[in-house]
Each structure stands twice: as C-alpha cells, then as structure tokens.
Amino acid sequence: MSFLRCVVLLLVLMSNLHAADSRLPVTGGERQWPQASGPQGTWAVGADSVPLKWSVARGEGVLWRTTLPETGQGGIAVWGNRVFLTTLKPEAGQLPLGKDVIGHCLDAKTGKILWTVTLPGRETSVPAYFFSDATSPSPVADGQHVWFFNACGSVGCYDFAGKQIWMREWQPTGGRPFNKQFEPILFNDTLLNMEPRDADDPKREGKDPWNYLRALDKRTGRTLWVADDAMTHYNTPVFGRLPDGTPAVLQGRGAYHGVPELPIGLSLTSLAPGKEGKTIWRYETNRSKACYTMHWNAKYAAWFDIDASEHQVLDVATGKLLRTQSLVKQVDWRRFNPATGKHELLTGVDLTKQTPPLKVFPAQFCNILLGDWHYFLCYTEASKHLGPPYCVGRVHLETGQVEYLEVPVSVVREAGQPDQFIWNRPQTSSTVNSRGIEVATDKRSRGDGWWWGYLGSPTAIGGKVFFTTMLGITYVIDGRATVLDERALLAVNDLGHPGRTWSLNSLSFAEGRVYHRSMKEAVCLGPK
C-alpha cells in the first residue's frame, strides 16, 4: 500500500472517530455544565477536584454573588465564560405573574449580568411554588447557542450575544396543579422537550391530552419526532446508554391529580439513528407513581414504589423486574442522639416496629445512582410517621442493603462563632425576593423542603453526592463510603443565614467551580 493511500485511510479513520465522538450528549467533561443533568446527561461527572465546603452566610469560599431581579428555581448552564439561568419576569412593586420568564446571561468570572431576553407564557404558574413554576426547566447551551425554556409554553434559541435565532410557543397541559418537573436534554443536534401532541395530530388524546418527549431541531425549532410512549409531567427523564452503546432516555408515567398518561410505569425510548422515539421496552405496574427521577446505568434501572416503601431494580436490557427491596425492614439507621452529641447505630431494624412506626417516602425528584448505590433523601413528617427523620438513604443495587444517616436540618453560622447545627426540628425559609416582596402565595413554600416538595435533583461530582434543600443547605456525601455513617457526611454548606433564603434547584459544576442559586441571588463557589 502506498504512503499516500495510508495517509488517506488514516484521515478517513480519524474523521470517523471524530464523528463518533460527536455523538456524545456534549463534550468537555468537567469543563462545561451544558444542561441540568450535566455533560453526560446522567447528573454525574468525574472531577479531580471539587469545592466541598462553603458558607455564603460567612462569605467563605464565595467567588462572586449576583443579585437576581426576581425569583426563579431552575438550574444553571455553564459554557466557557458564560453562565445562563432564568427568573420570572419582575413586575414593578408587585408579585410576579408567574407567566413570562426572563433568560439571563452572566459573566462566569464576575457574575455580571451581560444581557437578558424574555420568553412568553400561555399558562400561569404559582410564583415560588414549592413544586415548580415557569422557570423550573433549566437552560441548555452548546458553546454557540443557548436555549431558554418557559414551562408555561415557550422555548427560545439565542446566540451567545443574546440575538434570537428562533422562538417556539406551545400549549402546555392544564387543569391540575403546576407540577412540571421535566428537564430539557440535548443530544447531538436534537433538543428534547416535554409537550402534548399537536392539536391536529391524529394520535393526540381528547380533552385531557397526554405529554410526550418531543424532539426539536436545535438549529430551527422544527419538530423532528414525538416519542411512541407518553410521560407524565411530574417525571424527569434521564439519558444513558445501553451496554452496546445505544443512546436512550428512561421516562415514566403515573402520578397524582389524575394525570392521564398510561400505562403506569417506565419506558426506555431509543435515540439511535433511524429508531428515534421508538420504545425499546415498557415496564407496567399498577402500584406506583412516576413522581421520581428514575435512574439507570448499563446494567440496571431503579426506582421507588412509594405506596409499598419499596425499591425496585429492573434489567436495563429488557425492562424485566429483577427484585424488590423493602425500605423499612432489616435496615441500618444511624440517628443523632442530642444527649450525647453523637450518632448511634440501630442495625437490622424494622422501621414499622419503631415507636411510632415509620413509613419511608423517598423525596420526589431527589435521588441519584453512583456506582452500585442508589442515594435519596427521606421525606420527614412527624404527623404522618414519615422518616427516618432528616435522613440520607441509600440502597445497594446488588445486595439490597439499606442504610440511613441522619443529617442536621440547618446550621447557624455567625462571624467568629462555631457552627451551631440544628437537629430534628422543622425549620422555615424566607420567600421574600431581592426587592423585599413576599412572592409565595402557598404557605407550604416556606417550609424546609423535607416534606412534600420538589427539591432540586442531587448531582454527583468526583464521587461526592450533593443534595440541596429549600433552606439553601447543601449536604456533601462521600458517595464511595464503605459505610454510610457520620464520616460520610463531608460538609453542610449554606446559601445564607437560616430563615433568610430559599432555593429549589440543582447546583452545577464547571472549571473547578460550583454554581448555585437562591431566590435572591446567583453565586459562584470555589477556591480563590
């Protein structure tokens, strides 16, 4: 073979490899955070170094703070020197209407707001609603463009200078509480949104239309396909790959308030060329509700049966149920004893035989897979006997081992004073915006987030799991800990003083920095 022909073949091979690489959800590893679920769409990313401890109350580990003009609860996209997030549209001297959304572009180095755009809404959400509002879907970026979303009915594409490329308006489903937990996903040139079928679509259901994954051409906003199987708007699909490399999205159906999508259960939807939107498998059940982010890896899919306090593991290749694991029987519970100031271990206990008997209700939209462990937070409500109180839990996918670790509800940090942790007592948060206006109309939004609300999804960075709560507290858990004991709790971080902040989003990570937000401000955290 001639030298010239060898060179040509080598160039062709390199081109093919480059094309294969471009099929990843995004590129850049830990350098960018292009969407809520991170660079690989799994809410997890590897990292050599990640900030573990910070305190906005004390100004520790804070690189910048930027006041936001109005409340918002979506996540943050980061690409290069740009940060993207959304808020509701401010209304002079009054509550936001909960309809129109403002997209913001910030300088990643200084936090300065560089430009803003407006996305109109067709429906109306409740401002600072502790389930979701119009700002719940996070922005998506790819280095050249950013896509902002309004759950009340629009998505817009903009270049990094703020010039609008296209705008798509659509009609969301209504008639029930505003609980829309969908997070957009970018795969290659396809942008996945959650919408009903079009009014003239012969497959559209009647007066109560179902929701579906809808694929949009990221360059034009044109619809490419609509998935075969529906999904409830309570649900947050998760991207992944089968062992053979097939890209797919796991989604769910079934929830409260009579959502119509059937059958209740899970579907794995293909994103492979020529099979986009087709169902790979469907798991059906009549017992549970898809009010969760279901997670999956190359071997298993896992979710929770909240009615039975059980954890379910499925074969990811077939959707077949492999096993269920009780979340209440034969569990290890490490609870904090205020008399001794230490944790005590209750090993192999049955929570239903405690006084009072306990039921486990994993917090909705608040779980993540890391290695062989499925991590989650436990809803806590004494009057309903839910617990174990204020605990991080985890289930081992292979053995079924269940562990719980109690964490402090909050922490008081004053200059020159040691940390004062608050244990096992409900707390309240502030829903006063940066302009001094009380924006929450539902009193439940002023709780601590440990009961009946949609906290931001946890993220896993460099083997550490970051849980956030409505109080602005972030727990950092060693996700690779052999035992889930007090040593696995690496940090309890804050977004401000107790009772003065409110947060309902997931944090983001790029270039060694953590990006987080509260109702009042966006913050950048990391070493100076």
Protein backbone atom coordinates (compact mmCIF):
# COMPACT_ATOMS: atom_id res chain seq x y z
CA MET A 1 0.00 0.00 0.00
CA SER A 2 1.42 3.40 -0.98
CA PHE A 3 2.30 6.02 1.60
CA LEU A 4 -0.29 8.43 0.14
CA ARG A 5 -3.04 5.82 0.41
CA CYS A 6 -2.08 5.11 4.03
CA VAL A 7 -2.36 8.81 4.81
CA VAL A 8 -5.78 8.98 3.16
CA LEU A 9 -7.03 5.95 5.11
CA LEU A 10 -5.71 7.41 8.34
CA LEU A 11 -7.51 10.70 7.71
CA VAL A 12 -10.75 8.85 6.98
CA LEU A 13 -10.38 6.84 10.20
CA MET A 14 -9.74 10.00 12.23
CA SER A 15 -12.78 11.62 10.65
CA ASN A 16 -14.95 8.64 11.57
CA LEU A 17 -13.66 8.69 15.12
CA HIS A 18 -14.43 12.39 15.36
CA ALA A 19 -17.93 11.75 14.07
CA ALA A 20 -18.40 9.02 16.68
CA ASP A 21 -17.20 11.37 19.43
CA SER A 22 -19.72 13.99 18.32
CA ARG A 23 -22.49 11.55 19.15
CA LEU A 24 -21.94 12.10 22.85
CA PRO A 25 -24.56 14.30 24.53
CA VAL A 26 -21.93 17.03 24.89
CA THR A 27 -18.17 17.32 25.01
CA GLY A 28 -15.87 18.93 27.53
CA GLY A 29 -16.12 16.64 30.55
CA GLU A 30 -15.89 18.68 33.73
CA ARG A 31 -15.08 21.89 31.82
CA GLN A 32 -18.71 22.67 30.96
CA TRP A 33 -22.14 22.12 32.52
CA PRO A 34 -24.37 22.43 29.44
CA GLN A 35 -27.67 21.27 30.93
CA ALA A 36 -29.28 20.46 34.28
CA SER A 37 -28.19 16.82 34.11
CA GLY A 38 -24.57 17.68 33.32
CA PRO A 39 -22.18 16.81 30.48
CA GLN A 40 -23.34 13.20 30.05
CA GLY A 41 -26.99 13.70 30.92
CA THR A 42 -26.76 11.46 34.00
CA TRP A 43 -26.46 14.12 36.74
CA ALA A 44 -22.96 12.78 37.42
CA VAL A 45 -19.48 13.79 36.29
CA GLY A 46 -15.91 12.86 37.15
CA ALA A 47 -13.62 15.51 38.59
CA ASP A 48 -10.15 15.62 40.08
CA SER A 49 -11.02 18.47 42.41
CA VAL A 50 -14.34 19.92 43.53
CA PRO A 51 -15.19 22.51 46.22
CA LEU A 52 -16.61 20.66 49.21
CA LYS A 53 -17.14 23.40 51.77
CA TRP A 54 -18.59 26.90 51.56
CA SER A 55 -20.72 29.32 53.54
CA VAL A 56 -22.47 32.27 51.93
CA ALA A 57 -23.51 33.37 55.44
CA ARG A 58 -19.86 33.83 56.38
CA GLY A 59 -18.59 34.65 52.90
CA GLU A 60 -16.37 31.57 52.88
CA GLY A 61 -15.49 30.02 49.52
CA VAL A 62 -17.59 32.60 47.65
CA LEU A 63 -16.04 33.96 44.44
CA TRP A 64 -18.97 36.19 43.48
CA ARG A 65 -22.62 36.89 44.30
CA THR A 66 -25.10 38.43 41.87
CA THR A 67 -28.48 39.80 42.92
CA LEU A 68 -31.32 38.49 40.77
CA PRO A 69 -34.25 40.77 39.87
CA GLU A 70 -36.92 38.16 40.64
CA THR A 71 -37.47 34.66 41.97
CA GLY A 72 -36.64 31.54 39.96
CA GLN A 73 -35.91 27.90 40.65
CA GLY A 74 -34.32 26.36 37.55
CA GLY A 75 -30.77 25.10 37.29
CA ILE A 76 -27.72 26.79 35.76
CA ALA A 77 -25.97 26.06 32.46
CA VAL A 78 -22.29 26.97 32.16
CA TRP A 79 -20.21 27.10 29.00
CA GLY A 80 -16.80 28.77 28.89
CA ASN A 81 -17.11 32.30 30.26
CA ARG A 82 -20.89 32.35 30.19
CA VAL A 83 -23.48 31.36 32.82
CA PHE A 84 -27.17 31.01 31.96
CA LEU A 85 -30.23 30.90 34.23
CA THR A 86 -33.84 32.09 34.34
CA THR A 87 -36.14 34.05 36.64
CA LEU A 88 -39.76 35.07 36.46
CA LYS A 89 -40.40 38.46 34.86
CA PRO A 90 -40.34 41.21 37.52
CA GLU A 91 -43.46 43.30 37.94
CA ALA A 92 -42.98 46.79 39.34
CA GLY A 93 -43.82 46.82 43.05
CA GLN A 94 -45.90 43.67 42.98
CA LEU A 95 -45.89 39.88 42.76
CA PRO A 96 -44.58 38.33 39.55
CA LEU A 97 -47.41 36.98 37.42
CA GLY A 98 -45.76 33.56 37.10
CA LYS A 99 -46.24 33.57 33.33
CA ASP A 100 -43.35 35.19 31.44
CA VAL A 101 -39.74 34.14 32.01
CA ILE A 102 -36.51 36.13 31.73
CA GLY A 103 -33.37 34.39 30.46
CA HIS A 104 -30.15 35.81 31.89
CA CYS A 105 -26.56 35.58 30.63
CA LEU A 106 -23.87 36.23 33.24
CA ASP A 107 -20.11 36.57 33.05
CA ALA A 108 -18.71 33.39 34.62
CA LYS A 109 -15.73 35.23 36.10
CA THR A 110 -17.52 38.18 37.69
CA GLY A 111 -21.22 37.29 37.82
CA LYS A 112 -22.15 40.48 35.96
CA ILE A 113 -25.44 40.19 34.03
CA LEU A 114 -24.50 40.75 30.38
CA TRP A 115 -27.89 40.50 28.69
CA THR A 116 -31.45 39.28 29.18
CA VAL A 117 -34.27 38.01 26.97
CA THR A 118 -37.99 37.41 27.53
CA LEU A 119 -39.88 34.18 26.89
CA PRO A 120 -43.69 34.50 26.85
CA GLY A 121 -46.02 32.08 28.59
CA ARG A 122 -49.51 30.86 27.72
CA GLU A 123 -50.41 29.35 31.08
CA THR A 124 -49.77 30.76 34.56
CA SER A 125 -47.69 29.22 37.34
CA VAL A 126 -47.61 29.97 41.07
CA PRO A 127 -44.53 32.07 41.92
CA ALA A 128 -42.12 30.27 44.28
CA TYR A 129 -44.41 27.26 44.28
CA PHE A 130 -42.61 24.53 46.21
CA PHE A 131 -43.30 22.00 43.46
CA SER A 132 -42.31 24.01 40.36
CA ASP A 133 -43.03 27.17 38.37
CA ALA A 134 -42.47 28.55 34.88
CA THR A 135 -38.69 28.69 35.47
CA SER A 136 -38.26 25.05 36.53
CA PRO A 137 -36.72 23.82 33.23
CA SER A 138 -33.04 24.76 33.15
CA PRO A 139 -31.28 26.39 30.17
CA VAL A 140 -29.20 24.32 27.73
CA ALA A 141 -26.01 25.51 25.99
CA ASP A 142 -23.63 24.05 23.39
CA GLY A 143 -20.88 26.68 23.07
CA GLN A 144 -22.55 28.62 20.26
CA HIS A 145 -26.17 28.84 21.34
CA VAL A 146 -28.28 28.76 24.48
CA TRP A 147 -31.87 27.57 24.74
CA PHE A 148 -34.10 29.06 27.45
CA PHE A 149 -37.35 27.36 28.48
CA ASN A 150 -40.63 28.55 29.91
CA ALA A 151 -42.75 25.70 31.29
CA CYS A 152 -45.78 27.91 30.64
CA GLY A 153 -45.33 27.41 26.92
CA SER A 154 -42.21 28.55 25.05
CA VAL A 155 -38.60 27.75 24.19
CA GLY A 156 -36.18 30.14 22.53
CA CYS A 157 -32.76 29.79 20.91
CA TYR A 158 -30.19 32.58 21.20
CA ASP A 159 -26.57 33.08 20.25
CA PHE A 160 -24.06 33.98 22.95
CA ALA A 161 -24.57 37.68 22.22
CA GLY A 162 -28.29 37.40 23.02
CA LYS A 163 -29.58 37.51 19.43
CA GLN A 164 -32.73 35.42 18.97
CA ILE A 165 -32.38 32.61 16.41
CA TRP A 166 -35.86 31.13 16.81
CA MET A 167 -38.79 31.02 19.20
CA ARG A 168 -41.29 28.19 19.61
CA GLU A 169 -44.53 28.65 21.52
CA TRP A 170 -46.71 25.71 22.54
CA GLN A 171 -49.73 24.99 24.72
CA PRO A 172 -48.98 23.12 27.96
CA THR A 173 -51.49 20.82 29.62
CA GLY A 174 -53.53 22.48 32.34
CA GLY A 175 -56.38 21.76 34.72
CA ARG A 176 -54.27 20.48 37.63
CA PRO A 177 -51.55 21.85 39.95
CA PHE A 178 -48.42 23.17 38.26
CA ASN A 179 -46.06 20.25 38.87
CA LYS A 180 -43.81 20.14 35.81
CA GLN A 181 -40.51 18.53 36.66
CA PHE A 182 -39.23 17.96 33.14
CA GLU A 183 -35.61 18.96 32.41
CA PRO A 184 -34.58 19.50 28.75
CA ILE A 185 -31.96 17.20 27.22
CA LEU A 186 -29.58 17.98 24.35
CA PHE A 187 -28.32 15.03 22.30
CA ASN A 188 -26.30 15.75 19.15
CA ASP A 189 -28.44 18.30 17.26
CA THR A 190 -31.66 17.22 18.95
CA LEU A 191 -33.28 19.11 21.80
CA LEU A 192 -35.80 17.13 23.87
CA ASN A 193 -38.75 18.98 25.36
CA MET A 194 -41.95 17.79 27.08
CA GLU A 195 -45.15 18.74 25.22
CA PRO A 196 -48.55 17.32 24.28
CA ARG A 197 -49.09 16.23 20.68
CA ASP A 198 -50.23 18.99 18.29
CA ALA A 199 -53.94 19.74 18.06
CA ASP A 200 -54.10 18.32 14.51
CA ASP A 201 -52.10 15.18 15.36
CA PRO A 202 -54.39 12.13 14.85
CA LYS A 203 -52.62 10.42 17.76
CA ARG A 204 -53.47 13.22 20.18
CA GLU A 205 -55.77 12.22 23.00
CA GLY A 206 -59.06 14.05 23.70
CA LYS A 207 -59.87 16.84 26.12
CA ASP A 208 -57.05 15.84 28.53
CA PRO A 209 -54.07 15.41 26.19
CA TRP A 210 -51.08 13.32 27.20
CA ASN A 211 -47.50 14.61 27.42
CA TYR A 212 -44.64 13.22 25.33
CA LEU A 213 -40.97 13.62 24.63
CA ARG A 214 -40.79 15.92 21.61
CA ALA A 215 -37.54 16.19 19.63
CA LEU A 216 -36.75 19.62 18.20
CA ASP A 217 -34.05 20.52 15.68
CA LYS A 218 -31.80 22.67 17.85
CA ARG A 219 -30.99 24.93 14.86
CA THR A 220 -34.57 25.69 13.78
CA GLY A 221 -37.00 24.55 16.47
CA ARG A 222 -38.71 22.28 13.96
CA THR A 223 -40.29 19.10 15.35
CA LEU A 224 -38.27 16.01 14.33
CA TRP A 225 -40.32 13.34 16.09
CA VAL A 226 -42.60 12.61 19.02
CA ALA A 227 -41.93 9.55 21.17
CA ASP A 228 -44.17 6.49 20.92
CA ASP A 229 -44.81 6.34 24.67
CA ALA A 230 -46.18 9.16 26.80
CA MET A 231 -44.72 10.51 30.05
CA THR A 232 -46.29 12.35 32.95
CA HIS A 233 -45.26 15.96 33.55
CA TYR A 234 -44.27 15.06 37.12
CA ASN A 235 -41.45 12.99 35.70
CA THR A 236 -37.86 13.81 34.75
CA PRO A 237 -36.39 11.55 32.03
CA VAL A 238 -32.72 10.55 32.28
CA PHE A 239 -30.29 9.98 29.40
CA GLY A 240 -27.96 6.97 29.23
CA ARG A 241 -26.53 4.23 27.04
CA LEU A 242 -27.16 0.51 26.86
CA PRO A 243 -24.16 -1.84 27.00
CA ASP A 244 -23.99 -1.88 23.20
CA GLY A 245 -23.77 1.92 23.14
CA THR A 246 -27.38 2.57 22.14
CA PRO A 247 -28.38 6.04 23.39
CA ALA A 248 -31.74 6.16 25.13
CA VAL A 249 -33.92 8.04 27.61
CA LEU A 250 -35.73 6.48 30.57
CA GLN A 251 -39.11 8.09 31.29
CA GLY A 252 -42.15 7.41 33.47
CA ARG A 253 -45.92 7.70 33.74
CA GLY A 254 -48.37 7.91 36.62
CA ALA A 255 -48.74 10.44 39.44
CA TYR A 256 -51.22 12.41 41.49
CA HIS A 257 -54.21 14.50 40.43
CA GLY A 258 -55.37 12.04 37.81
CA VAL A 259 -52.66 12.52 35.20
CA PRO A 260 -53.97 10.58 32.18
CA GLU A 261 -50.85 9.03 30.67
CA LEU A 262 -50.92 5.22 30.66
CA PRO A 263 -49.84 2.58 31.37
CA ILE A 264 -48.35 3.49 34.75
CA GLY A 265 -44.68 2.54 34.72
CA LEU A 266 -41.48 3.15 32.79
CA SER A 267 -40.38 3.22 29.17
CA LEU A 268 -36.93 3.20 27.65
CA THR A 269 -37.02 5.32 24.48
CA SER A 270 -34.37 4.99 21.79
CA LEU A 271 -32.34 7.89 20.42
CA ALA A 272 -30.43 5.69 17.95
CA PRO A 273 -30.36 6.83 14.28
CA GLY A 274 -33.40 5.51 12.44
CA LYS A 275 -35.08 4.45 15.70
CA GLU A 276 -35.57 7.82 17.36
CA GLY A 277 -38.57 7.93 19.67
CA LYS A 278 -39.22 4.19 19.43
CA THR A 279 -39.87 2.21 22.60
CA ILE A 280 -37.12 -0.29 23.47
CA TRP A 281 -39.10 -1.74 26.38
CA ARG A 282 -42.00 -0.85 28.62
CA TYR A 283 -42.45 -1.79 32.28
CA GLU A 284 -46.05 -1.67 33.53
CA THR A 285 -47.31 -1.56 37.10
CA ASN A 286 -50.49 -0.53 38.88
CA ARG A 287 -48.92 0.21 42.25
CA SER A 288 -46.51 3.11 41.97
CA LYS A 289 -46.25 6.63 40.61
CA ALA A 290 -43.57 8.15 38.37
CA CYS A 291 -43.05 11.18 40.60
CA TYR A 292 -39.34 10.48 40.60
CA THR A 293 -36.26 10.79 38.52
CA MET A 294 -35.70 7.13 37.62
CA HIS A 295 -32.02 6.41 37.23
CA TRP A 296 -30.24 3.76 35.23
CA ASN A 297 -26.83 2.52 34.21
CA ALA A 298 -25.53 -0.08 31.75
CA LYS A 299 -26.93 -2.89 33.90
CA TYR A 300 -29.94 -1.77 35.91
CA ALA A 301 -32.81 0.70 36.03
CA ALA A 302 -34.01 1.63 39.52
CA TRP A 303 -36.94 3.49 41.01
CA PHE A 304 -39.19 3.56 44.08
CA ASP A 305 -42.64 2.18 44.83
CA ILE A 306 -43.83 4.86 47.23
CA ASP A 307 -47.05 3.05 48.07
CA ALA A 308 -45.20 0.00 49.37
CA SER A 309 -42.00 1.64 50.71
CA GLU A 310 -40.02 -0.50 48.28
CA HIS A 311 -37.10 -0.11 45.92
CA GLN A 312 -37.32 -1.81 42.52
CA VAL A 313 -34.47 -2.94 40.27
CA LEU A 314 -35.08 -3.75 36.59
CA ASP A 315 -32.92 -5.36 33.92
CA VAL A 316 -31.96 -2.40 31.75
CA ALA A 317 -31.79 -4.52 28.59
CA THR A 318 -35.32 -5.95 28.88
CA GLY A 319 -37.23 -3.90 31.45
CA LYS A 320 -37.94 -7.05 33.44
CA LEU A 321 -38.35 -6.60 37.19
CA LEU A 322 -35.46 -8.44 38.86
CA ARG A 323 -36.10 -7.77 42.54
CA THR A 324 -37.71 -5.52 45.10
CA GLN A 325 -36.19 -4.39 48.36
CA SER A 326 -38.09 -3.19 51.41
CA LEU A 327 -37.04 0.26 52.58
CA VAL A 328 -38.31 -0.37 56.11
CA LYS A 329 -37.23 -3.91 57.07
CA GLN A 330 -33.75 -5.04 58.09
CA VAL A 331 -32.21 -1.59 57.64
CA ASP A 332 -29.29 0.14 59.31
CA TRP A 333 -30.24 3.51 60.82
CA ARG A 334 -27.70 5.92 62.23
CA ARG A 335 -29.64 8.56 64.15
CA PHE A 336 -28.31 11.51 66.08
CA ASN A 337 -28.56 11.47 69.86
CA PRO A 338 -28.73 15.08 71.16
CA ALA A 339 -27.89 13.94 74.70
CA THR A 340 -24.51 12.57 73.66
CA GLY A 341 -23.94 14.70 70.57
CA LYS A 342 -23.16 11.56 68.60
CA HIS A 343 -24.81 9.20 66.14
CA GLU A 344 -26.00 5.82 67.38
CA LEU A 345 -26.48 2.75 65.20
CA LEU A 346 -29.67 0.73 65.06
CA THR A 347 -28.72 -2.27 62.98
CA GLY A 348 -31.07 -4.61 61.14
CA VAL A 349 -34.16 -2.83 62.47
CA ASP A 350 -37.75 -2.87 61.21
CA LEU A 351 -38.91 0.74 60.99
CA THR A 352 -42.54 -0.32 61.14
CA LYS A 353 -41.93 -1.59 64.68
CA GLN A 354 -40.47 1.63 65.99
CA THR A 355 -42.41 4.00 68.24
CA PRO A 356 -44.13 5.45 66.34
CA PRO A 357 -43.96 3.03 63.39
CA LEU A 358 -42.32 4.65 60.39
CA LYS A 359 -43.03 4.58 56.68
CA VAL A 360 -40.33 5.55 54.17
CA PHE A 361 -41.36 8.03 51.48
CA PRO A 362 -38.30 8.95 49.35
CA ALA A 363 -38.27 12.63 48.43
CA GLN A 364 -39.56 13.13 44.90
CA PHE A 365 -37.07 14.21 42.21
CA CYS A 366 -34.27 13.71 44.74
CA ASN A 367 -32.29 10.53 44.06
CA ILE A 368 -29.23 9.50 42.05
CA LEU A 369 -27.19 6.42 41.14
CA LEU A 370 -23.50 6.38 41.94
CA GLY A 371 -21.68 3.11 41.40
CA ASP A 372 -23.72 0.32 42.98
CA TRP A 373 -25.59 2.66 45.33
CA HIS A 374 -28.92 4.43 44.82
CA TYR A 375 -28.94 7.56 47.03
CA PHE A 376 -32.03 9.50 48.13
CA LEU A 377 -33.45 11.80 50.82
CA CYS A 378 -36.31 10.73 53.10
CA TYR A 379 -39.41 12.87 53.41
CA THR A 380 -39.93 13.76 57.07
CA GLU A 381 -43.34 14.47 58.64
CA ALA A 382 -43.99 13.51 62.26
CA SER A 383 -47.78 13.63 62.00
CA LYS A 384 -47.69 11.18 59.11
CA HIS A 385 -44.98 8.99 60.67
CA LEU A 386 -42.64 9.50 57.71
CA GLY A 387 -38.92 9.05 58.11
CA PRO A 388 -36.44 8.12 59.27
CA PRO A 389 -36.40 11.83 60.15
CA TYR A 390 -34.00 14.02 58.17
CA CYS A 391 -32.03 11.16 56.69
CA VAL A 392 -29.95 10.48 53.61
CA GLY A 393 -30.65 6.93 52.47
CA ARG A 394 -29.06 4.52 50.06
CA VAL A 395 -29.82 1.08 48.61
CA HIS A 396 -27.20 -1.25 47.19
CA LEU A 397 -28.30 -2.41 43.73
CA GLU A 398 -26.76 -5.87 44.07
CA THR A 399 -27.22 -6.82 47.72
CA GLY A 400 -30.28 -4.75 48.63
CA GLN A 401 -28.56 -3.38 51.74
CA VAL A 402 -30.40 -0.27 53.04
CA GLU A 403 -28.73 2.41 55.17
CA TYR A 404 -29.93 5.70 56.65
CA LEU A 405 -27.86 8.56 58.08
CA GLU A 406 -29.48 11.46 59.93
CA VAL A 407 -28.15 14.89 58.93
CA PRO A 408 -28.70 18.29 60.57
CA VAL A 409 -31.70 20.23 59.27
CA SER A 410 -29.82 23.52 59.25
CA VAL A 411 -26.82 25.36 60.63
CA VAL A 412 -26.33 28.79 62.21
CA ARG A 413 -23.09 30.48 61.26
CA GLU A 414 -22.04 33.79 62.76
CA ALA A 415 -18.70 35.53 62.35
CA GLY A 416 -16.17 34.32 64.90
CA GLN A 417 -18.56 31.71 66.31
CA PRO A 418 -18.52 27.92 65.92
CA ASP A 419 -21.17 26.25 63.79
CA GLN A 420 -24.45 25.58 65.59
CA PHE A 421 -26.21 22.63 63.95
CA ILE A 422 -29.97 22.26 64.26
CA TRP A 423 -31.12 18.65 64.54
CA ASN A 424 -34.52 17.02 64.08
CA ARG A 425 -36.62 20.22 64.21
CA PRO A 426 -38.66 21.61 61.31
CA GLN A 427 -37.42 24.96 60.03
CA THR A 428 -38.85 27.78 57.94
CA SER A 429 -37.43 29.52 54.89
CA SER A 430 -37.95 33.03 53.56
CA THR A 431 -39.80 33.60 50.28
CA VAL A 432 -39.07 37.33 50.17
CA ASN A 433 -37.38 38.25 46.89
CA SER A 434 -34.42 40.57 46.35
CA ARG A 435 -36.78 43.57 46.15
CA GLY A 436 -38.28 42.84 49.57
CA ILE A 437 -41.58 41.45 48.24
CA GLU A 438 -43.19 38.31 49.64
CA VAL A 439 -43.76 36.26 46.48
CA ALA A 440 -45.11 32.93 47.79
CA THR A 441 -48.87 32.56 47.94
CA ASP A 442 -48.78 28.98 49.28
CA LYS A 443 -47.60 28.80 52.90
CA ARG A 444 -46.10 25.34 52.28
CA SER A 445 -43.41 27.06 50.23
CA ARG A 446 -41.99 28.49 53.45
CA GLY A 447 -41.01 25.13 54.89
CA ASP A 448 -37.60 23.48 54.99
CA GLY A 449 -38.16 21.23 51.96
CA TRP A 450 -38.11 17.97 53.87
CA TRP A 451 -41.80 17.36 53.26
CA TRP A 452 -43.95 17.36 50.15
CA GLY A 453 -41.97 19.48 47.75
CA TYR A 454 -39.73 19.00 44.75
CA LEU A 455 -36.17 19.68 45.82
CA GLY A 456 -33.53 20.05 43.15
CA SER A 457 -32.05 16.82 41.89
CA PRO A 458 -28.79 15.79 43.57
CA THR A 459 -25.63 15.83 41.49
CA ALA A 460 -22.59 13.57 41.79
CA ILE A 461 -19.22 15.21 41.21
CA GLY A 462 -15.97 13.33 41.59
CA GLY A 463 -17.64 10.61 43.66
CA LYS A 464 -19.32 13.10 46.00
CA VAL A 465 -23.11 13.46 46.13
CA PHE A 466 -24.51 16.99 46.56
CA PHE A 467 -28.06 17.23 47.98
CA THR A 468 -29.72 20.66 48.18
CA THR A 469 -32.77 21.72 50.21
CA MET A 470 -35.26 24.58 50.22
CA LEU A 471 -33.35 26.20 53.11
CA GLY A 472 -30.32 26.68 50.87
CA ILE A 473 -28.49 23.86 52.66
CA THR A 474 -26.21 21.61 50.59
CA TYR A 475 -25.12 18.27 52.06
CA VAL A 476 -21.97 16.74 50.62
CA ILE A 477 -21.89 12.95 50.96
CA ASP A 478 -18.95 10.67 50.22
CA GLY A 479 -20.67 8.53 47.59
CA ARG A 480 -17.97 5.88 47.79
CA ALA A 481 -18.08 5.45 51.55
CA THR A 482 -18.00 1.81 52.63
CA VAL A 483 -20.40 2.62 55.47
CA LEU A 484 -22.97 5.44 55.50
CA ASP A 485 -22.01 6.84 58.87
CA GLU A 486 -21.18 10.33 60.15
CA ARG A 487 -17.79 10.20 58.44
CA ALA A 488 -19.58 10.03 55.08
CA LEU A 489 -21.09 13.48 55.71
CA LEU A 490 -18.27 15.64 54.37
CA ALA A 491 -19.90 19.07 54.67
CA VAL A 492 -23.08 21.00 55.47
CA ASN A 493 -22.99 24.16 53.35
CA ASP A 494 -25.29 27.18 53.22
CA LEU A 495 -26.56 29.80 50.75
CA GLY A 496 -27.12 32.32 53.53
CA HIS A 497 -28.33 32.69 57.08
CA PRO A 498 -31.12 30.36 58.27
CA GLY A 499 -34.61 31.59 57.56
CA ARG A 500 -33.44 34.26 55.12
CA THR A 501 -33.06 32.29 51.92
CA TRP A 502 -34.96 29.93 49.60
CA SER A 503 -33.69 27.57 46.92
CA LEU A 504 -35.25 24.84 44.80
CA ASN A 505 -32.64 24.00 42.18
CA SER A 506 -29.73 21.69 41.46
CA LEU A 507 -26.20 23.02 41.54
CA SER A 508 -23.82 23.00 38.55
CA PHE A 509 -20.07 22.45 38.22
CA ALA A 510 -17.53 23.65 35.64
CA GLU A 511 -13.83 24.51 35.57
CA GLY A 512 -13.43 23.56 39.23
CA ARG A 513 -16.22 25.87 40.40
CA VAL A 514 -19.69 25.22 41.78
CA TYR A 515 -22.56 27.42 40.58
CA HIS A 516 -25.63 27.65 42.78
CA ARG A 517 -28.57 29.97 43.32
CA SER A 518 -31.26 31.06 45.71
CA MET A 519 -34.40 33.08 45.11
CA LYS A 520 -32.41 36.28 45.62
CA GLU A 521 -29.03 35.64 44.03
CA ALA A 522 -26.69 33.50 41.97
CA VAL A 523 -23.35 32.50 43.50
CA CYS A 524 -20.05 31.08 42.30
CA LEU A 525 -18.18 28.92 44.80
CA GLY A 526 -14.63 27.65 44.83
CA PRO A 527 -11.03 28.40 45.76
CA LYS A 528 -9.74 31.90 45.08
